[in-house]
Protein backbone atom coordinates (compact mmCIF):
# COMPACT_ATOMS: atom_id res chain seq x y z
CA UNK A 1 16.77 8.42 -15.12
CA UNK A 2 13.41 7.09 -13.98
CA UNK A 3 12.24 5.86 -10.61
CA UNK A 4 13.08 2.56 -8.95
CA UNK A 5 10.48 -0.14 -9.47
CA UNK A 6 10.20 -3.80 -8.43
CA UNK A 7 13.04 -5.89 -9.84
CA UNK A 8 11.13 -9.13 -9.21
CA UNK A 9 7.88 -10.48 -10.59
CA UNK A 10 5.74 -11.30 -7.56
CA UNK A 11 2.45 -13.16 -7.25
CA UNK A 12 0.02 -10.76 -5.64
CA UNK A 13 2.26 -7.78 -6.39
CA UNK A 14 0.55 -4.43 -5.90
CA UNK A 15 1.67 -2.51 -8.99
CA UNK A 16 -1.83 -2.66 -10.48
CA UNK A 17 -3.37 -1.54 -7.15
CA UNK A 18 -1.16 1.52 -6.56
CA UNK A 19 -3.79 4.01 -7.72
CA UNK A 20 -6.29 2.67 -5.17
CA UNK A 21 -3.63 2.55 -2.47
CA UNK A 22 -2.79 6.19 -3.10
CA UNK A 23 -6.46 7.14 -2.81
CA UNK A 24 -6.50 5.48 0.61
CA UNK A 25 -3.32 7.02 2.02
CA UNK A 26 -3.70 9.14 5.18
CA UNK A 27 -3.86 12.91 4.73
CA UNK A 28 -1.21 13.66 7.35
CA UNK A 29 1.78 11.98 5.70
CA UNK A 30 3.94 14.88 6.85
CA UNK A 31 3.74 13.53 10.41
CA UNK A 32 5.27 10.20 9.34
CA UNK A 33 8.98 9.64 9.94
CA UNK A 34 9.06 5.80 9.91
CA UNK A 35 7.76 3.52 7.16
CA UNK A 36 7.49 -0.22 7.81
CA UNK A 37 6.52 -3.03 5.46
CA UNK A 38 6.39 -6.40 7.29
CA UNK A 39 5.72 -8.53 4.15
CA UNK A 40 7.95 -6.88 1.55
CA UNK A 41 7.57 -9.25 -1.41
CA UNK A 42 8.32 -7.34 -4.61
CA UNK A 43 8.24 -3.99 -2.83
CA UNK A 44 6.06 -2.04 -5.29
CA UNK A 45 4.24 -0.14 -2.52
CA UNK A 46 7.50 0.81 -0.80
CA UNK A 47 8.98 2.18 -4.03
CA UNK A 48 5.79 4.17 -4.60
CA UNK A 49 5.01 5.52 -1.12
CA UNK A 50 8.37 6.24 0.48
CA UNK A 51 9.27 9.11 -1.90
CA UNK A 52 5.97 10.74 -0.92
CA UNK A 53 6.97 10.78 2.76
CA UNK A 54 8.87 14.08 2.88
CA UNK A 55 9.93 13.68 6.52
CA UNK A 56 10.77 9.98 6.51
CA UNK A 57 13.90 9.15 8.50
CA UNK A 58 13.60 5.38 8.79
CA UNK A 59 12.44 2.66 6.38
CA UNK A 60 12.21 -0.93 7.65
CA UNK A 61 11.29 -3.95 5.57
CA UNK A 62 10.80 -7.53 6.72
CA UNK A 63 10.02 -10.90 5.23
CA UNK A 64 9.97 -14.48 6.52
CA UNK A 65 11.73 -15.53 3.32
CA UNK A 66 15.45 -15.27 4.17
CA UNK A 67 16.41 -15.90 0.54
CA UNK A 68 14.36 -12.88 -0.54
CA UNK A 69 15.96 -10.66 2.12
CA UNK A 70 19.35 -11.90 0.90
CA UNK A 71 18.47 -10.55 -2.54
CA UNK A 72 17.54 -7.12 -1.17
CA UNK A 73 20.76 -6.99 0.86
CA UNK A 74 22.84 -7.77 -2.21
CA UNK A 75 21.01 -5.23 -4.36
CA UNK A 76 21.77 -2.59 -1.72
CA UNK A 77 25.37 -3.51 -0.93
CA UNK A 78 26.70 -5.56 -3.88
CA UNK A 79 24.71 -4.48 -6.93
CA UNK A 80 27.72 -4.38 -9.29
CA UNK A 81 28.72 -7.96 -8.47
CA UNK A 82 25.07 -9.02 -8.70
CA UNK A 83 24.70 -7.44 -12.14
CA UNK A 84 27.88 -9.15 -13.33
CA UNK A 85 26.60 -12.56 -12.19
CA UNK A 86 23.16 -12.00 -13.70
CA UNK A 87 24.73 -10.93 -16.98
CA UNK A 88 26.68 -14.20 -17.08
CA UNK A 89 23.53 -16.22 -16.42
CA UNK A 90 21.55 -14.29 -19.04
CA UNK A 91 24.21 -14.77 -21.73
CA UNK A 92 24.47 -18.49 -20.98
CA UNK A 93 20.69 -18.91 -21.01
CA UNK A 94 20.27 -17.06 -24.33
CA UNK A 95 22.93 -19.27 -25.96
CA UNK A 96 21.03 -22.51 -25.30
CA UNK A 97 18.30 -24.06 -27.40
CA UNK A 98 14.95 -24.84 -25.78
CA UNK A 99 16.11 -28.12 -24.22
CA UNK A 100 19.30 -26.49 -22.95
CA UNK A 101 17.35 -23.63 -21.38
CA UNK A 102 15.11 -26.08 -19.56
CA UNK A 103 18.10 -28.06 -18.29
CA UNK A 104 19.81 -24.85 -17.12
CA UNK A 105 16.69 -23.78 -15.23
CA UNK A 106 16.48 -27.03 -13.25
CA UNK A 107 20.25 -27.06 -12.64
CA UNK A 108 20.09 -23.54 -11.16
CA UNK A 109 17.01 -24.49 -9.12
CA UNK A 110 18.91 -27.43 -7.62
CA UNK A 111 21.92 -25.22 -6.84
CA UNK A 112 19.61 -22.66 -5.21
CA UNK A 113 17.98 -25.32 -3.03
CA UNK A 114 21.35 -26.68 -1.86
CA UNK A 115 21.68 -23.66 0.44
CA UNK A 116 18.33 -24.20 2.14
CA UNK A 117 19.77 -25.33 5.50
CA UNK A 118 22.39 -22.58 5.47
CA UNK A 119 19.69 -19.90 5.24
CA UNK A 120 17.79 -21.43 8.11
CA UNK A 121 20.90 -21.45 10.30
CA UNK A 122 22.47 -18.13 9.28
CA UNK A 123 19.92 -15.94 7.47
CA UNK A 124 22.03 -12.79 7.87
CA UNK A 125 24.90 -13.97 5.64
CA UNK A 126 25.23 -12.45 2.15
CA UNK A 127 25.20 -14.94 -0.72
CA UNK A 128 25.78 -13.21 -4.04
CA UNK A 129 25.35 -16.35 -6.16
CA UNK A 130 22.07 -17.23 -4.49
CA UNK A 131 20.79 -13.69 -4.95
CA UNK A 132 21.52 -14.02 -8.67
CA UNK A 133 19.94 -17.49 -8.76
CA UNK A 134 16.82 -16.11 -7.05
CA UNK A 135 16.40 -13.41 -9.70
CA UNK A 136 17.21 -15.84 -12.54
CA UNK A 137 14.58 -18.31 -11.32
CA UNK A 138 12.07 -15.51 -10.81
CA UNK A 139 12.46 -14.41 -14.44
CA UNK A 140 12.41 -17.88 -15.96
CA UNK A 141 9.90 -19.75 -13.77
CA UNK A 142 6.16 -20.19 -14.26
CA UNK A 143 4.25 -16.91 -13.68
CA UNK A 144 7.07 -15.43 -11.57
CA UNK A 145 5.88 -17.44 -8.58
CA UNK A 146 7.88 -18.05 -5.43
CA UNK A 147 6.66 -21.21 -3.75
CA UNK A 148 8.25 -23.64 -1.29
CA UNK A 149 7.30 -27.18 -0.37
CA UNK A 150 7.08 -28.51 3.21
CA UNK A 151 10.87 -28.93 3.30
CA UNK A 152 11.43 -25.31 2.32
CA UNK A 153 12.57 -26.20 -1.20
CA UNK A 154 11.70 -23.92 -4.11
CA UNK A 155 9.60 -26.01 -6.50
CA UNK A 156 8.16 -23.79 -9.25
CA UNK A 157 8.63 -25.23 -12.78
CA UNK A 158 10.23 -23.62 -15.84
CA UNK A 159 8.07 -21.23 -17.88
CA UNK A 160 9.46 -22.16 -21.34
CA UNK A 161 10.38 -18.54 -22.02
CA UNK A 162 13.06 -18.14 -24.68
CA UNK A 163 14.41 -14.63 -24.01
CA UNK A 164 13.21 -13.03 -20.76
CA UNK A 165 15.06 -10.01 -19.35
CA UNK A 166 17.12 -11.62 -16.61
CA UNK A 167 19.59 -8.78 -16.01
CA UNK A 168 17.78 -5.43 -15.81
CA UNK A 169 20.96 -3.49 -15.06
CA UNK A 170 19.40 -0.01 -15.09
CA UNK A 171 16.61 -0.82 -12.65
CA UNK A 172 18.81 -2.85 -10.30
CA UNK A 173 21.12 0.15 -9.99
CA UNK A 174 18.14 2.47 -9.37
CA UNK A 175 16.82 0.11 -6.70
CA UNK A 176 20.26 0.02 -5.08
CA UNK A 177 20.32 3.83 -5.10
CA UNK A 178 16.84 3.88 -3.54
CA UNK A 179 17.75 1.42 -0.77
CA UNK A 180 20.85 3.44 0.05
CA UNK A 181 19.23 6.87 -0.22
CA UNK A 182 16.62 5.90 2.38
CA UNK A 183 19.05 3.67 4.29
CA UNK A 184 16.50 0.85 4.20
CA UNK A 185 16.88 -1.57 7.12
CA UNK A 186 16.26 -5.29 6.68
CA UNK A 187 14.59 -7.66 9.13
CA UNK A 188 14.13 -11.36 8.47
CA UNK A 189 11.57 -13.34 10.43
CA UNK A 190 8.13 -13.15 11.99
CA UNK A 191 6.26 -9.97 11.04
CA UNK A 192 5.36 -9.41 14.70
CA UNK A 193 8.91 -8.26 15.42
CA UNK A 194 8.11 -4.89 13.84
CA UNK A 195 6.07 -3.90 16.91
CA UNK A 196 9.11 -2.57 18.79
CA UNK A 197 9.82 -0.03 16.03
CA UNK A 198 6.34 1.52 16.05
CA UNK A 199 5.19 4.85 17.49
CA UNK A 200 2.64 7.52 16.58
CA UNK A 201 4.83 8.77 13.71
CA UNK A 202 4.87 5.37 11.96
CA UNK A 203 3.03 4.26 8.84
CA UNK A 204 2.79 0.49 8.22
CA UNK A 205 1.65 -1.22 5.04
CA UNK A 206 0.67 -4.87 5.51
CA UNK A 207 0.51 -7.09 2.44
CA UNK A 208 0.27 -10.62 3.89
CA UNK A 209 -0.26 -13.75 1.80
CA UNK A 210 -3.84 -13.41 0.66
CA UNK A 211 -6.61 -15.59 2.01
CA UNK A 212 -7.71 -17.93 -0.84
CA UNK A 213 -11.10 -17.09 -2.30
CA UNK A 214 -11.47 -20.55 -3.84
CA UNK A 215 -9.94 -24.00 -3.52
CA UNK A 216 -7.99 -23.49 -6.74
CA UNK A 217 -6.47 -20.20 -5.63
CA UNK A 218 -4.98 -21.53 -2.39
CA UNK A 219 -1.53 -20.03 -2.90
CA UNK A 220 0.00 -19.09 0.45
CA UNK A 221 3.24 -21.10 0.36
CA UNK A 222 5.76 -18.29 -0.05
CA UNK A 223 7.57 -20.12 2.75
CA UNK A 224 7.23 -23.65 4.07
CA UNK A 225 5.23 -22.40 7.07
CA UNK A 226 2.32 -21.13 4.94
CA UNK A 227 -0.30 -18.60 6.08
CA UNK A 228 -3.74 -19.89 7.08
CA UNK A 229 -6.89 -18.45 8.70
CA UNK A 230 -5.33 -18.61 12.15
CA UNK A 231 -2.41 -16.60 10.80
CA UNK A 232 -4.85 -14.01 9.45
CA UNK A 233 -6.50 -13.79 12.88
CA UNK A 234 -3.13 -13.32 14.59
CA UNK A 235 -2.34 -10.50 12.19
CA UNK A 236 -5.62 -8.77 13.01
CA UNK A 237 -4.77 -8.97 16.72
CA UNK A 238 -1.41 -7.31 16.06
CA UNK A 239 -3.19 -4.55 14.14
CA UNK A 240 -5.37 -3.90 17.19
CA UNK A 241 -2.29 -3.68 19.42
CA UNK A 242 -0.52 -1.35 17.00
CA UNK A 243 -3.59 0.86 16.77
CA UNK A 244 -3.23 1.57 20.48
CA UNK A 245 0.23 2.97 19.76
CA UNK A 246 -1.46 5.60 17.56
CA UNK A 247 0.46 4.59 14.45
CA UNK A 248 -1.23 4.56 11.05
CA UNK A 249 -1.58 1.34 9.09
CA UNK A 250 -3.04 0.06 5.85
CA UNK A 251 -3.63 -3.60 5.03
CA UNK A 252 -4.68 -5.25 1.80
CA UNK A 253 -6.14 -8.72 1.31
CA UNK A 254 -8.48 -10.76 -0.84
CA UNK A 255 -12.21 -10.24 -0.60
CA UNK A 256 -13.94 -13.55 0.24
CA UNK A 257 -17.23 -12.04 -0.88
CA UNK A 258 -16.10 -12.60 -4.49
CA UNK A 259 -16.84 -16.29 -3.94
CA UNK A 260 -19.43 -16.09 -1.16
CA UNK A 261 -21.37 -12.85 -0.51
CA UNK A 262 -22.10 -14.11 3.01
CA UNK A 263 -18.46 -14.66 3.94
CA UNK A 264 -17.74 -11.98 6.55
CA UNK A 265 -14.32 -13.28 7.60
CA UNK A 266 -12.45 -9.98 7.21
CA UNK A 267 -15.45 -7.80 7.98
CA UNK A 268 -15.61 -9.48 11.38
CA UNK A 269 -11.83 -9.47 11.98
CA UNK A 270 -11.47 -5.77 11.22
CA UNK A 271 -14.87 -4.49 12.30
CA UNK A 272 -13.30 -1.71 14.38
CA UNK A 273 -11.45 -0.29 11.36
CA UNK A 274 -12.38 1.13 7.95
CA UNK A 275 -12.76 -1.48 5.19
CA UNK A 276 -12.89 -0.37 1.58
CA UNK A 277 -13.47 -2.67 -1.37
CA UNK A 278 -11.54 -1.84 -4.53
CA UNK A 279 -11.28 -3.37 -7.98
CA UNK A 280 -8.10 -5.28 -8.80
CA UNK A 281 -6.88 -7.56 -11.58
CA UNK A 282 -6.58 -11.26 -10.84
CA UNK A 283 -3.13 -12.09 -12.17
CA UNK A 284 -1.89 -15.46 -10.89
CA UNK A 285 -4.52 -17.80 -12.36
CA UNK A 286 -2.86 -20.21 -14.79
CA UNK A 287 -5.76 -19.79 -17.24
CA UNK A 288 -5.90 -16.44 -18.96
CA UNK A 289 -9.68 -16.69 -19.25
CA UNK A 290 -9.93 -16.75 -15.46
CA UNK A 291 -8.01 -13.51 -15.00
CA UNK A 292 -10.09 -10.38 -14.65
CA UNK A 293 -11.43 -7.74 -12.29
CA UNK A 294 -12.37 -8.78 -8.78
CA UNK A 295 -12.63 -6.84 -5.54
CA UNK A 296 -9.95 -6.77 -2.86
CA UNK A 297 -10.13 -5.14 0.55
CA UNK A 298 -8.12 -2.28 1.96
CA UNK A 299 -8.25 -1.98 5.75
CA UNK A 300 -7.05 1.19 7.51
CA UNK A 301 -7.19 2.65 11.01
CA UNK A 302 -7.73 6.26 9.99
């Protein structure tokens, strides 16, 4: 059996950047016993790095998106029930014609959004149906995006796909095994709450919503609160505080110099740390002709 890999498509996912991330890992991984990822998203870096940490004793992941954390909880604790529900959804979807598939997508999206207030009030509750709906929508929506409007409602349209893999039973079980093997702990809320878990034996990977490099790439609405330049500045201040705790951290983000060579936004924010520019594939532009190699930044304190 192979290794666990992301079970969700995720805008800005790091699968295509893993080689560069590995090149930038610290040499003394043997000193690390805690791994933290404050913006978990699809989790590709966690699945890749954690097995390399031979002395890891604690793995903590966080995300502001309570519906996403609900999915991870269900994959860890209820994967058999989740697979059964996904299998039902996949069979039903495959049996419809194009119009029926479209209608099913928007019906499931409405059902998913009905629980919006419940998540805000009680984000720690397990919802197996909503976990299945989240994965279903992720596999059948446009470009695998997760986006919320100002009311916190998921609003990505259907992608017109006829036969996507909705129920990847083998990988979901491998991910469940991974989450249990490393006893992955889940936090849901502001990324700053990770500070209390950090010491000199901690490695943190930050993958925040990227700063837009153009007006047409302004995609930061993973949650209704968004993530703007002030948010980026707050994150840099946390990095400075964490650095004083002697932990190790790596952070990735867009490179504004792709659009404006004189834009020193991140160079100024992280001028006390190492900044490397690496090539990455642009993969969330709606026009295929606009996807290609651009640079991204990797910031590290070692």
